[in-house]
Amino acid sequence: MARGTHEALPDERNEDVLVYINGEFYPRREAKISVFDSGFLVGDGVWEGLRLHEGGFAFLDLHLDRLFEGARTIGLDIGMTRVELAEALHETVRRNGMESADGVHARLMVTRGDKKTPSQDPRLAVGGPNVVIIAEHKVADPGVGAEGVRLFTSTVRRPPPDTLDQRLNSHSKLHEVLALIQALNAGADEALMLDPTGAVATCNATNFFVVRRGEVWTSTGHYSLNGITRRTVVELCLADEIPVFERAFSLTDVYGADEAFVTGTFGGLTPVVEVDGRTIGSGERGPLTDRLARLYAQAVAEAAALTTGR
């Protein structure tokens, strides 16, 4: 059975969560956005996924940096300051009784707002942006982290920056969806994607790493999301004197790797045990992956504590 890095354990409490929409809170079943919303019509918006750890948002400043940079890139005025957005995030978890919770994932979404008629033209937006926050009790399936995932290399390439900059965390994700559909149809869990040169870029929803002879490699980053977890892992390698390189590499380098793993806010570090039917290393979670996962868990706890005052 295919399982992805965003596989979560079921939690009935999510049926009753309150959703933040433009400063108001609505029960899950009543939380709605207009069919004229820019995000729904043309994927016009930016978003962040944040992890709540023991009541604090991990790497909150980095997530807000990326959100505001993305908004500036697409010419979108969020209409709220960083402080106001942070308070909205904390108020959302407070309203849902998650103040001291662990295993909570929040999605912050900002679109250009409603259009007066269906169109791409941003000048047709009326009433300001739509800001939505959904906080849910979501614990990653421990089986996925222990057993790893299988990847399939999609024929869908990551576009170059002059087509759609992949470092932009926008609502436009159709190429990633198509890549994932190919992978699922091939019997894999997620998709590995190449850049226009044929080098390995990233996965459809996570960043990709290989371990070769004690070295950690990831892509140049020019064709993938500038992931917060990716960045943190690179920094952890440098701090712990683990050789790490952001470089171009091929599928041959992947197939011959000793270990491989993917990174993301929800799953942290997840081992990759198979790519295109080829077993990676021993086919199990590797020692360096395990070491970095422990370092990352410590970094999450330290970062989250900064937003709670502990």
C-alpha atoms as a PDB file:
ATOM      1  CA  MET A   1       0.000   0.000   0.000  1.00  0.00           C
ATOM      2  CA  ALA A   2       1.404   3.402  -0.986  1.00  0.00           C
ATOM      3  CA  ARG A   3       2.135   5.749   1.913  1.00  0.00           C
ATOM      4  CA  GLY A   4       3.430   9.287   1.725  1.00  0.00           C
ATOM      5  CA  THR A   5       5.427  11.567   3.984  1.00  0.00           C
ATOM      6  CA  HIS A   6       2.248  13.463   4.888  1.00  0.00           C
ATOM      7  CA  GLU A   7       0.485  10.346   6.190  1.00  0.00           C
ATOM      8  CA  ALA A   8      -1.028  11.227   9.588  1.00  0.00           C
ATOM      9  CA  LEU A   9      -2.614   9.169  12.313  1.00  0.00           C
ATOM     10  CA  PRO A  10      -6.414   9.675  12.433  1.00  0.00           C
ATOM     11  CA  ASP A  11      -7.651  12.063  15.128  1.00  0.00           C
ATOM     12  CA  GLU A  12     -11.364  12.622  15.747  1.00  0.00           C
ATOM     13  CA  ARG A  13     -10.675  15.996  17.415  1.00  0.00           C
ATOM     14  CA  ASN A  14     -10.123  17.489  13.972  1.00  0.00           C
ATOM     15  CA  GLU A  15     -13.841  17.233  13.237  1.00  0.00           C
ATOM     16  CA  ASP A  16     -14.456  20.088  15.687  1.00  0.00           C
ATOM     17  CA  VAL A  17     -11.581  22.475  14.965  1.00  0.00           C
ATOM     18  CA  LEU A  18     -12.250  26.166  14.477  1.00  0.00           C
ATOM     19  CA  VAL A  19     -10.847  27.718  11.288  1.00  0.00           C
ATOM     20  CA  TYR A  20      -9.548  31.291  11.110  1.00  0.00           C
ATOM     21  CA  ILE A  21     -10.841  33.274   8.123  1.00  0.00           C
ATOM     22  CA  ASN A  22     -10.038  36.983   7.930  1.00  0.00           C
ATOM     23  CA  GLY A  23     -10.099  37.557  11.676  1.00  0.00           C
ATOM     24  CA  GLU A  24     -13.142  35.409  12.470  1.00  0.00           C
ATOM     25  CA  PHE A  25     -13.442  31.775  13.576  1.00  0.00           C
ATOM     26  CA  TYR A  26     -15.779  29.195  12.050  1.00  0.00           C
ATOM     27  CA  PRO A  27     -16.517  25.532  12.798  1.00  0.00           C
ATOM     28  CA  ARG A  28     -14.854  23.261  10.269  1.00  0.00           C
ATOM     29  CA  ARG A  29     -18.093  22.459   8.444  1.00  0.00           C
ATOM     30  CA  GLU A  30     -18.960  26.148   8.117  1.00  0.00           C
ATOM     31  CA  ALA A  31     -15.527  27.388   7.034  1.00  0.00           C
ATOM     32  CA  LYS A  32     -15.918  28.588   3.443  1.00  0.00           C
ATOM     33  CA  ILE A  33     -14.209  30.794   0.856  1.00  0.00           C
ATOM     34  CA  SER A  34     -15.975  32.301  -2.148  1.00  0.00           C
ATOM     35  CA  VAL A  35     -15.832  30.570  -5.528  1.00  0.00           C
ATOM     36  CA  PHE A  36     -14.526  33.936  -6.768  1.00  0.00           C
ATOM     37  CA  ASP A  37     -11.419  33.667  -4.568  1.00  0.00           C
ATOM     38  CA  SER A  38      -8.169  34.246  -6.482  1.00  0.00           C
ATOM     39  CA  GLY A  39      -6.601  31.091  -5.103  1.00  0.00           C
ATOM     40  CA  PHE A  40      -9.512  28.960  -6.247  1.00  0.00           C
ATOM     41  CA  LEU A  41      -9.744  30.621  -9.650  1.00  0.00           C
ATOM     42  CA  VAL A  42      -6.079  30.752 -10.693  1.00  0.00           C
ATOM     43  CA  GLY A  43      -3.887  29.542  -7.810  1.00  0.00           C
ATOM     44  CA  ASP A  44      -2.956  33.128  -6.937  1.00  0.00           C
ATOM     45  CA  GLY A  45      -1.578  33.107  -3.406  1.00  0.00           C
ATOM     46  CA  VAL A  46       1.159  31.986  -1.019  1.00  0.00           C
ATOM     47  CA  TRP A  47       1.100  29.708   2.002  1.00  0.00           C
ATOM     48  CA  GLU A  48       3.083  28.144   4.840  1.00  0.00           C
ATOM     49  CA  GLY A  49       2.829  24.914   6.784  1.00  0.00           C
ATOM     50  CA  LEU A  50       3.971  25.257  10.404  1.00  0.00           C
ATOM     51  CA  ARG A  51       4.579  22.746  13.167  1.00  0.00           C
ATOM     52  CA  LEU A  52       3.455  23.414  16.734  1.00  0.00           C
ATOM     53  CA  HIS A  53       5.747  21.760  19.285  1.00  0.00           C
ATOM     54  CA  GLU A  54       4.695  21.896  22.940  1.00  0.00           C
ATOM     55  CA  GLY A  55       2.775  25.106  22.353  1.00  0.00           C
ATOM     56  CA  GLY A  56       5.400  26.913  20.252  1.00  0.00           C
ATOM     57  CA  PHE A  57       5.688  27.267  16.483  1.00  0.00           C
ATOM     58  CA  ALA A  58       8.998  25.883  15.253  1.00  0.00           C
ATOM     59  CA  PHE A  59      11.031  28.228  13.010  1.00  0.00           C
ATOM     60  CA  LEU A  60       8.218  30.803  12.998  1.00  0.00           C
ATOM     61  CA  ASP A  61      10.448  33.682  11.863  1.00  0.00           C
ATOM     62  CA  LEU A  62      11.803  31.669   8.927  1.00  0.00           C
ATOM     63  CA  HIS A  63       8.292  30.747   7.818  1.00  0.00           C
ATOM     64  CA  LEU A  64       7.140  34.358   8.013  1.00  0.00           C
ATOM     65  CA  ASP A  65      10.265  35.462   6.115  1.00  0.00           C
ATOM     66  CA  ARG A  66       9.378  33.083   3.292  1.00  0.00           C
ATOM     67  CA  LEU A  67       5.704  34.054   3.302  1.00  0.00           C
ATOM     68  CA  PHE A  68       6.365  37.790   3.066  1.00  0.00           C
ATOM     69  CA  GLU A  69       9.096  37.313   0.461  1.00  0.00           C
ATOM     70  CA  GLY A  70       6.704  35.261  -1.653  1.00  0.00           C
ATOM     71  CA  ALA A  71       3.976  37.876  -1.257  1.00  0.00           C
ATOM     72  CA  ARG A  72       6.361  40.631  -2.387  1.00  0.00           C
ATOM     73  CA  THR A  73       7.406  38.523  -5.352  1.00  0.00           C
ATOM     74  CA  ILE A  74       3.833  38.229  -6.641  1.00  0.00           C
ATOM     75  CA  GLY A  75       2.888  41.793  -5.703  1.00  0.00           C
ATOM     76  CA  LEU A  76       0.467  40.766  -2.963  1.00  0.00           C
ATOM     77  CA  ASP A  77      -0.151  43.022   0.031  1.00  0.00           C
ATOM     78  CA  ILE A  78      -1.040  40.637   2.873  1.00  0.00           C
ATOM     79  CA  GLY A  79      -2.663  43.486   4.780  1.00  0.00           C
ATOM     80  CA  MET A  80      -1.281  42.251   8.117  1.00  0.00           C
ATOM     81  CA  THR A  81       2.075  42.689   9.836  1.00  0.00           C
ATOM     82  CA  ARG A  82       4.313  39.830  10.925  1.00  0.00           C
ATOM     83  CA  VAL A  83       3.253  40.438  14.527  1.00  0.00           C
ATOM     84  CA  GLU A  84      -0.427  40.334  13.587  1.00  0.00           C
ATOM     85  CA  LEU A  85      -0.014  37.097  11.633  1.00  0.00           C
ATOM     86  CA  ALA A  86       1.916  35.501  14.492  1.00  0.00           C
ATOM     87  CA  GLU A  87      -0.833  36.523  16.902  1.00  0.00           C
ATOM     88  CA  ALA A  88      -3.467  35.084  14.553  1.00  0.00           C
ATOM     89  CA  LEU A  89      -1.591  31.772  14.523  1.00  0.00           C
ATOM     90  CA  HIS A  90      -1.367  31.677  18.311  1.00  0.00           C
ATOM     91  CA  GLU A  91      -5.016  32.734  18.692  1.00  0.00           C
ATOM     92  CA  THR A  92      -6.045  29.894  16.365  1.00  0.00           C
ATOM     93  CA  VAL A  93      -4.337  27.285  18.522  1.00  0.00           C
ATOM     94  CA  ARG A  94      -5.731  28.926  21.680  1.00  0.00           C
ATOM     95  CA  ARG A  95      -9.283  28.817  20.320  1.00  0.00           C
ATOM     96  CA  ASN A  96      -8.767  25.121  19.613  1.00  0.00           C
ATOM     97  CA  GLY A  97      -7.327  24.297  23.036  1.00  0.00           C
ATOM     98  CA  MET A  98      -3.906  23.507  21.592  1.00  0.00           C
ATOM     99  CA  GLU A  99      -1.856  26.010  23.619  1.00  0.00           C
ATOM    100  CA  SER A 100       0.416  23.360  25.134  1.00  0.00           C
ATOM    101  CA  ALA A 101      -0.128  20.704  22.518  1.00  0.00           C
ATOM    102  CA  ASP A 102       2.354  18.701  20.548  1.00  0.00           C
ATOM    103  CA  GLY A 103       1.600  17.082  17.203  1.00  0.00           C
ATOM    104  CA  VAL A 104      -0.273  20.058  15.750  1.00  0.00           C
ATOM    105  CA  HIS A 105       0.145  21.232  12.161  1.00  0.00           C
ATOM    106  CA  ALA A 106      -1.085  24.637  11.001  1.00  0.00           C
ATOM    107  CA  ARG A 107      -1.554  25.795   7.441  1.00  0.00           C
ATOM    108  CA  LEU A 108      -1.496  29.553   6.829  1.00  0.00           C
ATOM    109  CA  MET A 109      -2.855  30.577   3.429  1.00  0.00           C
ATOM    110  CA  VAL A 110      -3.061  34.025   1.845  1.00  0.00           C
ATOM    111  CA  THR A 111      -4.696  34.688  -1.514  1.00  0.00           C
ATOM    112  CA  ARG A 112      -5.184  37.910  -3.450  1.00  0.00           C
ATOM    113  CA  GLY A 113      -8.827  37.827  -2.415  1.00  0.00           C
ATOM    114  CA  ASP A 114     -12.131  37.672  -4.231  1.00  0.00           C
ATOM    115  CA  LYS A 115     -12.472  38.736  -7.871  1.00  0.00           C
ATOM    116  CA  LYS A 116     -15.473  40.594  -9.163  1.00  0.00           C
ATOM    117  CA  THR A 117     -15.490  38.166 -12.093  1.00  0.00           C
ATOM    118  CA  PRO A 118     -13.495  35.012 -12.938  1.00  0.00           C
ATOM    119  CA  SER A 119     -10.219  36.242 -14.424  1.00  0.00           C
ATOM    120  CA  GLN A 120      -6.425  36.162 -14.055  1.00  0.00           C
ATOM    121  CA  ASP A 121      -6.228  39.964 -13.888  1.00  0.00           C
ATOM    122  CA  PRO A 122      -5.155  41.014 -10.343  1.00  0.00           C
ATOM    123  CA  ARG A 123      -6.809  44.406 -10.877  1.00  0.00           C
ATOM    124  CA  LEU A 124     -10.172  42.669 -10.635  1.00  0.00           C
ATOM    125  CA  ALA A 125      -9.614  41.705  -6.991  1.00  0.00           C
ATOM    126  CA  VAL A 126     -11.983  43.400  -4.574  1.00  0.00           C
ATOM    127  CA  GLY A 127     -12.057  43.647  -0.799  1.00  0.00           C
ATOM    128  CA  GLY A 128      -8.455  42.740   0.024  1.00  0.00           C
ATOM    129  CA  PRO A 129      -6.688  39.417   0.549  1.00  0.00           C
ATOM    130  CA  ASN A 130      -8.181  36.316   2.116  1.00  0.00           C
ATOM    131  CA  VAL A 131      -6.197  34.961   5.077  1.00  0.00           C
ATOM    132  CA  VAL A 132      -7.000  31.451   6.317  1.00  0.00           C
ATOM    133  CA  ILE A 133      -5.435  29.397   9.122  1.00  0.00           C
ATOM    134  CA  ILE A 134      -6.283  25.739   9.674  1.00  0.00           C
ATOM    135  CA  ALA A 135      -4.780  24.069  12.752  1.00  0.00           C
ATOM    136  CA  GLU A 136      -5.207  20.305  13.135  1.00  0.00           C
ATOM    137  CA  HIS A 137      -4.038  17.571  15.454  1.00  0.00           C
ATOM    138  CA  LYS A 138      -1.670  15.730  13.108  1.00  0.00           C
ATOM    139  CA  VAL A 139       0.922  13.218  14.181  1.00  0.00           C
ATOM    140  CA  ALA A 140       3.038  11.688  11.435  1.00  0.00           C
ATOM    141  CA  ASP A 141       2.518   7.954  10.996  1.00  0.00           C
ATOM    142  CA  PRO A 142       5.537   6.447  12.802  1.00  0.00           C
ATOM    143  CA  GLY A 143       5.497   3.512  10.415  1.00  0.00           C
ATOM    144  CA  VAL A 144       6.397   5.783   7.505  1.00  0.00           C
ATOM    145  CA  GLY A 145       9.335   7.276   9.403  1.00  0.00           C
ATOM    146  CA  ALA A 146      10.579   3.842  10.433  1.00  0.00           C
ATOM    147  CA  GLU A 147      10.057   1.921   7.204  1.00  0.00           C
ATOM    148  CA  GLY A 148      10.698   4.736   4.716  1.00  0.00           C
ATOM    149  CA  VAL A 149       9.137   5.634   1.383  1.00  0.00           C
ATOM    150  CA  ARG A 150       9.589   4.528  -2.207  1.00  0.00           C
ATOM    151  CA  LEU A 151      10.082   7.077  -4.965  1.00  0.00           C
ATOM    152  CA  PHE A 152       9.458   7.039  -8.700  1.00  0.00           C
ATOM    153  CA  THR A 153      11.145   9.514 -11.020  1.00  0.00           C
ATOM    154  CA  SER A 154       8.462  11.468 -12.846  1.00  0.00           C
ATOM    155  CA  THR A 155       8.694  12.661 -16.434  1.00  0.00           C
ATOM    156  CA  VAL A 156       7.296  15.995 -15.195  1.00  0.00           C
ATOM    157  CA  ARG A 157      10.274  18.336 -14.741  1.00  0.00           C
ATOM    158  CA  ARG A 158      10.650  21.196 -12.301  1.00  0.00           C
ATOM    159  CA  PRO A 159      10.460  24.398 -14.363  1.00  0.00           C
ATOM    160  CA  PRO A 160      13.301  26.950 -14.430  1.00  0.00           C
ATOM    161  CA  PRO A 161      13.083  30.194 -12.423  1.00  0.00           C
ATOM    162  CA  ASP A 162      12.134  32.218 -15.506  1.00  0.00           C
ATOM    163  CA  THR A 163       9.035  30.023 -15.982  1.00  0.00           C
ATOM    164  CA  LEU A 164       7.854  29.608 -12.393  1.00  0.00           C
ATOM    165  CA  ASP A 165      10.419  30.062  -9.647  1.00  0.00           C
ATOM    166  CA  GLN A 166      10.219  26.881  -7.575  1.00  0.00           C
ATOM    167  CA  ARG A 167      11.495  28.708  -4.508  1.00  0.00           C
ATOM    168  CA  LEU A 168       8.133  30.476  -4.438  1.00  0.00           C
ATOM    169  CA  ASN A 169       5.693  28.667  -2.127  1.00  0.00           C
ATOM    170  CA  SER A 170       2.651  29.507  -4.190  1.00  0.00           C
ATOM    171  CA  HIS A 171      -0.767  27.889  -4.553  1.00  0.00           C
ATOM    172  CA  SER A 172       0.164  26.842  -8.102  1.00  0.00           C
ATOM    173  CA  LYS A 173       1.141  23.180  -7.562  1.00  0.00           C
ATOM    174  CA  LEU A 174      -0.415  21.357 -10.511  1.00  0.00           C
ATOM    175  CA  HIS A 175       2.920  20.140 -11.914  1.00  0.00           C
ATOM    176  CA  GLU A 176       3.688  18.560  -8.536  1.00  0.00           C
ATOM    177  CA  VAL A 177       0.264  16.915  -8.446  1.00  0.00           C
ATOM    178  CA  LEU A 178       0.832  15.464 -11.920  1.00  0.00           C
ATOM    179  CA  ALA A 179       4.227  14.127 -10.852  1.00  0.00           C
ATOM    180  CA  LEU A 180       2.697  12.482  -7.788  1.00  0.00           C
ATOM    181  CA  ILE A 181      -0.070  10.894  -9.875  1.00  0.00           C
ATOM    182  CA  GLN A 182       2.607   9.298 -12.090  1.00  0.00           C
ATOM    183  CA  ALA A 183       4.408   7.966  -9.024  1.00  0.00           C
ATOM    184  CA  LEU A 184       1.229   6.553  -7.492  1.00  0.00           C
ATOM    185  CA  ASN A 185       0.292   4.892 -10.771  1.00  0.00           C
ATOM    186  CA  ALA A 186       3.759   3.316 -10.799  1.00  0.00           C
ATOM    187  CA  GLY A 187       3.162   1.868  -7.329  1.00  0.00           C
ATOM    188  CA  ALA A 188       5.466   4.261  -5.466  1.00  0.00           C
ATOM    189  CA  ASP A 189       4.711   6.545  -2.533  1.00  0.00           C
ATOM    190  CA  GLU A 190       5.944   9.886  -3.885  1.00  0.00           C
ATOM    191  CA  ALA A 191       7.623  11.395  -6.930  1.00  0.00           C
ATOM    192  CA  LEU A 192      11.245  12.354  -7.487  1.00  0.00           C
ATOM    193  CA  MET A 193      11.545  15.236  -9.945  1.00  0.00           C
ATOM    194  CA  LEU A 194      14.426  16.315 -12.179  1.00  0.00           C
ATOM    195  CA  ASP A 195      15.379  19.830 -13.242  1.00  0.00           C
ATOM    196  CA  PRO A 196      15.516  20.986 -16.893  1.00  0.00           C
ATOM    197  CA  THR A 197      19.149  19.780 -17.179  1.00  0.00           C
ATOM    198  CA  GLY A 198      18.294  16.254 -16.040  1.00  0.00           C
ATOM    199  CA  ALA A 199      19.856  16.650 -12.604  1.00  0.00           C
ATOM    200  CA  VAL A 200      17.914  15.617  -9.505  1.00  0.00           C
ATOM    201  CA  ALA A 201      15.892  18.536  -8.122  1.00  0.00           C
ATOM    202  CA  THR A 202      13.436  17.575  -5.398  1.00  0.00           C
ATOM    203  CA  CYS A 203      10.343  15.520  -4.651  1.00  0.00           C
ATOM    204  CA  ASN A 204       6.782  16.604  -5.343  1.00  0.00           C
ATOM    205  CA  ALA A 205       6.220  17.808  -1.752  1.00  0.00           C
ATOM    206  CA  THR A 206       9.550  17.395   0.052  1.00  0.00           C
ATOM    207  CA  ASN A 207      13.250  18.122  -0.440  1.00  0.00           C
ATOM    208  CA  PHE A 208      15.561  15.248  -1.344  1.00  0.00           C
ATOM    209  CA  PHE A 209      18.973  14.239   0.052  1.00  0.00           C
ATOM    210  CA  VAL A 210      21.404  11.395  -0.570  1.00  0.00           C
ATOM    211  CA  VAL A 211      24.286  10.136   1.555  1.00  0.00           C
ATOM    212  CA  ARG A 212      27.382   8.949  -0.285  1.00  0.00           C
ATOM    213  CA  ARG A 213      30.560   7.832   1.510  1.00  0.00           C
ATOM    214  CA  GLY A 214      29.770   9.884   4.579  1.00  0.00           C
ATOM    215  CA  GLU A 215      28.817  13.005   2.612  1.00  0.00           C
ATOM    216  CA  VAL A 216      25.336  14.516   2.492  1.00  0.00           C
ATOM    217  CA  TRP A 217      24.213  15.845  -0.899  1.00  0.00           C
ATOM    218  CA  THR A 218      21.177  17.859  -1.865  1.00  0.00           C
ATOM    219  CA  SER A 219      20.347  19.770  -5.043  1.00  0.00           C
ATOM    220  CA  THR A 220      21.508  23.286  -5.859  1.00  0.00           C
ATOM    221  CA  GLY A 221      18.110  24.581  -4.740  1.00  0.00           C
ATOM    222  CA  HIS A 222      17.563  26.504  -7.970  1.00  0.00           C
ATOM    223  CA  TYR A 223      14.680  24.233  -8.966  1.00  0.00           C
ATOM    224  CA  SER A 224      13.120  23.405  -5.615  1.00  0.00           C
ATOM    225  CA  LEU A 225      11.331  25.047  -2.720  1.00  0.00           C
ATOM    226  CA  ASN A 226      13.688  26.710  -0.268  1.00  0.00           C
ATOM    227  CA  GLY A 227      12.488  24.377   2.446  1.00  0.00           C
ATOM    228  CA  ILE A 228      12.864  25.389   6.079  1.00  0.00           C
ATOM    229  CA  THR A 229      13.673  21.794   7.062  1.00  0.00           C
ATOM    230  CA  ARG A 230      16.114  21.498   4.153  1.00  0.00           C
ATOM    231  CA  ARG A 231      17.902  24.635   5.283  1.00  0.00           C
ATOM    232  CA  THR A 232      17.987  23.441   8.888  1.00  0.00           C
ATOM    233  CA  VAL A 233      19.461  20.067   7.941  1.00  0.00           C
ATOM    234  CA  VAL A 234      22.238  21.747   5.959  1.00  0.00           C
ATOM    235  CA  GLU A 235      23.003  23.982   8.945  1.00  0.00           C
ATOM    236  CA  LEU A 236      22.963  21.001  11.315  1.00  0.00           C
ATOM    237  CA  CYS A 237      25.459  19.167   9.103  1.00  0.00           C
ATOM    238  CA  LEU A 238      27.802  22.157   9.147  1.00  0.00           C
ATOM    239  CA  ALA A 239      27.500  22.543  12.922  1.00  0.00           C
ATOM    240  CA  ASP A 240      28.103  18.826  13.535  1.00  0.00           C
ATOM    241  CA  GLU A 241      31.014  18.657  11.068  1.00  0.00           C
ATOM    242  CA  ILE A 242      29.174  16.394   8.628  1.00  0.00           C
ATOM    243  CA  PRO A 243      30.322  17.090   5.041  1.00  0.00           C
ATOM    244  CA  VAL A 244      27.350  18.581   3.169  1.00  0.00           C
ATOM    245  CA  PHE A 245      27.097  19.815  -0.411  1.00  0.00           C
ATOM    246  CA  GLU A 246      24.434  21.646  -2.403  1.00  0.00           C
ATOM    247  CA  ARG A 247      25.305  20.464  -5.886  1.00  0.00           C
ATOM    248  CA  ALA A 248      24.003  19.019  -9.135  1.00  0.00           C
ATOM    249  CA  PHE A 249      23.880  15.219  -9.232  1.00  0.00           C
ATOM    250  CA  SER A 250      22.233  12.559 -11.368  1.00  0.00           C
ATOM    251  CA  LEU A 251      20.027   9.525 -10.891  1.00  0.00           C
ATOM    252  CA  THR A 252      23.163   7.379 -11.147  1.00  0.00           C
ATOM    253  CA  ASP A 253      24.380   9.065  -7.961  1.00  0.00           C
ATOM    254  CA  VAL A 254      21.012   8.325  -6.363  1.00  0.00           C
ATOM    255  CA  TYR A 255      20.912   4.659  -7.310  1.00  0.00           C
ATOM    256  CA  GLY A 256      24.397   4.151  -5.879  1.00  0.00           C
ATOM    257  CA  ALA A 257      23.791   6.099  -2.665  1.00  0.00           C
ATOM    258  CA  ASP A 258      24.366   4.591   0.779  1.00  0.00           C
ATOM    259  CA  GLU A 259      21.284   6.346   2.165  1.00  0.00           C
ATOM    260  CA  ALA A 260      18.614   8.756   1.025  1.00  0.00           C
ATOM    261  CA  PHE A 261      15.995  10.788   2.843  1.00  0.00           C
ATOM    262  CA  VAL A 262      13.464  13.548   2.285  1.00  0.00           C
ATOM    263  CA  THR A 263      12.702  16.545   4.476  1.00  0.00           C
ATOM    264  CA  GLY A 264       9.585  18.540   5.249  1.00  0.00           C
ATOM    265  CA  THR A 265       7.913  20.460   8.045  1.00  0.00           C
ATOM    266  CA  PHE A 266       5.344  17.745   8.752  1.00  0.00           C
ATOM    267  CA  GLY A 267       7.415  14.564   8.548  1.00  0.00           C
ATOM    268  CA  GLY A 268      10.824  15.947   9.484  1.00  0.00           C
ATOM    269  CA  LEU A 269      13.348  13.491   8.029  1.00  0.00           C
ATOM    270  CA  THR A 270      11.892  10.424   6.308  1.00  0.00           C
ATOM    271  CA  PRO A 271      14.159   7.698   4.907  1.00  0.00           C
ATOM    272  CA  VAL A 272      13.936   6.733   1.234  1.00  0.00           C
ATOM    273  CA  VAL A 273      14.408   2.990   0.798  1.00  0.00           C
ATOM    274  CA  GLU A 274      13.755   2.607  -2.926  1.00  0.00           C
ATOM    275  CA  VAL A 275      13.964   4.742  -6.075  1.00  0.00           C
ATOM    276  CA  ASP A 276      12.673   3.493  -9.429  1.00  0.00           C
ATOM    277  CA  GLY A 277      12.652  -0.101  -8.182  1.00  0.00           C
ATOM    278  CA  ARG A 278      16.252   0.066  -6.968  1.00  0.00           C
ATOM    279  CA  THR A 279      16.963  -0.499  -3.292  1.00  0.00           C
ATOM    280  CA  ILE A 280      18.892   2.362  -1.709  1.00  0.00           C
ATOM    281  CA  GLY A 281      21.721   1.168   0.538  1.00  0.00           C
ATOM    282  CA  SER A 282      20.505  -1.534   2.896  1.00  0.00           C
ATOM    283  CA  GLY A 283      16.870  -0.717   2.155  1.00  0.00           C
ATOM    284  CA  GLU A 284      16.417   0.520   5.719  1.00  0.00           C
ATOM    285  CA  ARG A 285      16.747   3.762   7.675  1.00  0.00           C
ATOM    286  CA  GLY A 286      20.462   4.586   7.603  1.00  0.00           C
ATOM    287  CA  PRO A 287      22.694   5.650  10.503  1.00  0.00           C
ATOM    288  CA  LEU A 288      23.383   9.152   9.210  1.00  0.00           C
ATOM    289  CA  THR A 289      19.692   9.709   8.504  1.00  0.00           C
ATOM    290  CA  ASP A 290      18.968   8.618  12.060  1.00  0.00           C
ATOM    291  CA  ARG A 291      21.653  10.906  13.479  1.00  0.00           C
ATOM    292  CA  LEU A 292      20.357  13.925  11.575  1.00  0.00           C
ATOM    293  CA  ALA A 293      16.762  13.138  12.581  1.00  0.00           C
ATOM    294  CA  ARG A 294      17.766  13.297  16.244  1.00  0.00           C
ATOM    295  CA  LEU A 295      19.605  16.585  15.710  1.00  0.00           C
ATOM    296  CA  TYR A 296      16.603  17.983  13.864  1.00  0.00           C
ATOM    297  CA  ALA A 297      14.190  16.996  16.645  1.00  0.00           C
ATOM    298  CA  GLN A 298      16.384  18.893  19.096  1.00  0.00           C
ATOM    299  CA  ALA A 299      16.467  21.928  16.774  1.00  0.00           C
ATOM    300  CA  VAL A 300      12.654  21.895  16.520  1.00  0.00           C
ATOM    301  CA  ALA A 301      12.295  21.864  20.305  1.00  0.00           C
ATOM    302  CA  GLU A 302      14.754  24.750  20.693  1.00  0.00           C
ATOM    303  CA  ALA A 303      13.114  26.827  17.951  1.00  0.00           C
ATOM    304  CA  ALA A 304       9.602  26.236  19.300  1.00  0.00           C
ATOM    305  CA  ALA A 305      10.665  27.260  22.789  1.00  0.00           C
ATOM    306  CA  LEU A 306      11.605  30.695  21.439  1.00  0.00           C
ATOM    307  CA  THR A 307       7.960  31.421  20.588  1.00  0.00           C
ATOM    308  CA  THR A 308       6.627  30.343  23.981  1.00  0.00           C
ATOM    309  CA  GLY A 309       9.180  32.102  26.196  1.00  0.00           C
ATOM    310  CA  ARG A 310      10.423  28.848  27.742  1.00  0.00           C
END
